[in-house]
Protein backbone atom coordinates (compact mmCIF):
# COMPACT_ATOMS: atom_id res chain seq x y z
CA MET A 1 172.00 119.51 44.49
CA SER A 2 168.84 117.60 45.31
CA ALA A 3 165.85 117.64 42.99
CA LEU A 4 163.88 119.64 45.56
CA SER A 5 166.63 122.29 45.80
CA ALA A 6 166.81 122.52 42.01
CA LEU A 7 163.04 122.94 41.79
CA GLU A 8 163.07 125.60 44.51
CA GLN A 9 165.86 127.49 42.77
CA ALA A 10 164.03 127.32 39.43
CA LEU A 11 160.82 128.62 41.01
CA GLU A 12 162.70 131.47 42.69
CA GLN A 13 164.35 132.44 39.40
CA ARG A 14 160.97 132.46 37.66
CA TRP A 15 159.49 134.60 40.46
CA GLU A 16 162.35 137.09 40.11
CA SER A 17 162.00 137.10 36.34
CA LEU A 18 158.30 137.86 36.64
CA TRP A 19 159.02 140.71 39.06
CA ALA A 20 161.66 142.07 36.69
CA ARG A 21 159.21 142.14 33.79
CA ILE A 22 156.40 143.67 35.83
CA PHE A 23 158.42 146.23 37.76
CA ASP A 24 161.19 147.05 35.28
CA LYS A 25 163.96 145.28 37.27
CA GLU A 26 163.53 147.28 40.52
CA PRO A 27 162.53 144.36 42.81
CA VAL A 28 165.26 142.10 41.47
CA GLU A 29 167.81 144.79 42.32
CA LEU A 30 166.16 145.16 45.72
CA LEU A 31 166.36 141.40 46.34
CA ASP A 32 170.03 141.45 45.34
CA ALA A 33 170.66 144.36 47.73
CA LEU A 34 169.02 142.42 50.58
CA ARG A 35 171.12 139.35 49.81
CA ARG A 36 174.32 141.42 49.66
CA GLU A 37 173.42 143.02 53.00
CA CYS A 38 172.90 139.57 54.49
CA ASP A 39 176.12 138.16 53.03
CA SER A 40 178.28 141.14 53.96
CA HIS A 41 177.22 140.99 57.63
CA ALA A 42 177.61 137.24 58.07
CA VAL A 43 179.63 136.29 61.14
CA VAL A 44 181.44 132.96 61.22
CA CYS A 45 181.02 131.64 64.75
CA SER A 46 182.33 128.15 64.14
CA GLU A 47 182.99 125.76 61.31
CA SER A 48 179.31 124.84 61.18
CA LEU A 49 177.66 128.11 62.31
CA VAL A 50 177.43 131.33 60.32
CA VAL A 51 175.07 133.90 61.85
CA VAL A 52 173.46 136.74 59.91
CA PRO A 53 171.38 139.72 61.04
CA ASN A 54 167.68 139.09 61.48
CA ALA A 55 166.18 142.58 61.07
CA TYR A 56 166.25 144.29 57.68
CA ASP A 57 165.01 147.80 57.00
CA VAL A 58 164.18 148.72 53.43
CA GLU A 59 163.58 152.38 52.73
CA LEU A 60 161.88 153.02 49.41
CA ALA A 61 161.61 156.27 47.51
CA ASP A 62 158.01 157.48 47.35
CA SER A 63 157.54 156.52 43.71
CA VAL A 64 159.06 153.04 44.16
CA HIS A 65 157.00 152.42 47.30
CA ASP A 66 153.80 153.43 45.50
CA GLU A 67 154.60 151.21 42.50
CA LEU A 68 155.45 148.12 44.54
CA THR A 69 152.57 148.37 46.97
CA ARG A 70 150.02 149.22 44.28
CA ARG A 71 150.73 146.01 42.36
CA ASP A 72 151.29 143.63 45.25
CA SER A 73 150.40 144.30 48.87
CA ARG A 74 152.58 141.36 49.99
CA VAL A 75 155.93 142.86 48.98
CA GLY A 76 157.35 142.59 52.50
CA GLN A 77 156.41 138.93 52.75
CA ALA A 78 157.83 138.16 49.31
CA LEU A 79 161.14 139.84 50.25
CA THR A 80 161.21 137.98 53.57
CA ASP A 81 160.56 134.64 51.88
CA SER A 82 163.27 135.24 49.28
CA LEU A 83 165.80 136.25 51.93
CA ALA A 84 164.92 133.18 54.00
CA ARG A 85 165.54 130.92 50.98
CA HIS A 86 168.86 132.68 50.35
CA ALA A 87 170.00 132.07 53.92
CA GLU A 88 168.87 128.46 53.83
CA HIS A 89 170.76 127.91 50.57
CA HIS A 90 173.97 129.24 52.19
CA GLY A 91 173.44 127.49 55.52
CA TYR A 92 173.14 130.73 57.51
CA ALA A 93 171.55 130.89 60.94
CA TRP A 94 169.46 133.95 61.86
CA ALA A 95 170.35 135.95 64.95
CA GLY A 96 166.63 135.80 65.80
CA PRO A 97 163.27 135.86 64.03
CA LEU A 98 163.64 137.25 60.49
CA THR A 99 161.86 140.51 59.70
CA VAL A 100 161.93 142.76 56.65
CA HIS A 101 160.38 146.15 57.39
CA ILE A 102 159.49 148.36 54.43
CA THR A 103 159.06 152.11 54.83
CA ARG A 104 158.58 155.09 52.56
CA SER A 105 161.32 157.72 52.58
CA ALA A 106 161.80 160.99 50.76
CA HIS A 107 165.51 160.93 51.69
CA VAL A 108 166.73 157.82 49.90
CA PRO A 109 170.09 158.80 48.39
CA ASN A 110 169.79 157.04 45.04
CA GLY A 111 166.11 157.84 44.62
CA ARG A 112 165.10 154.18 44.68
CA TYR A 113 165.89 152.27 47.88
CA ARG A 114 168.24 151.84 50.82
CA VAL A 115 168.79 148.59 52.73
CA ALA A 116 170.20 148.23 56.24
CA SER A 117 170.38 145.31 58.64
CA SER A 118 170.75 144.80 62.35
CA VAL A 119 170.23 142.28 65.08
CA MET A 120 167.02 142.96 66.96
CA ALA A 121 168.00 144.50 70.26
CA HIS A 122 165.48 142.52 72.34
CA VAL A 123 166.66 139.14 71.02
CA SER A 124 169.42 137.53 73.06
CA ALA A 125 171.27 134.23 72.91
CA GLU A 126 170.17 133.46 76.48
CA GLY A 127 166.53 133.78 75.42
CA PHE A 128 167.02 131.24 72.66
CA GLN A 129 168.85 128.83 74.96
CA GLN A 130 166.03 129.03 77.53
CA ALA A 131 163.38 128.54 74.85
CA ALA A 132 165.19 125.45 73.57
CA ARG A 133 165.04 123.74 76.98
């Protein structure tokens, strides 16, 4: 592991630790759920290419949404950044531009959050090949 990777990992762990203390572990669990969603939908295309979904929907229970957005209005960006670092660490390639969309929901089954992923419908491999030319 390079010194830069070790520093990045240490900073990420401190960021997660701070979130855990401030928010009583909720965001750390949410970050873990996003990472699991990413890992469980990884598709091995070749020996050197593993593609993961690029669109993540996070539904938060009303109380969790209020708590997270009241303390930090950049929750979506922080989750996106953490997921991007996770994918980089594992050598994943995104199926398109990464997005994490956070919404409020009164129907979250566990009363906290629900995470789902997909590949953006309007992103195609042909579009990326043409853009690369």
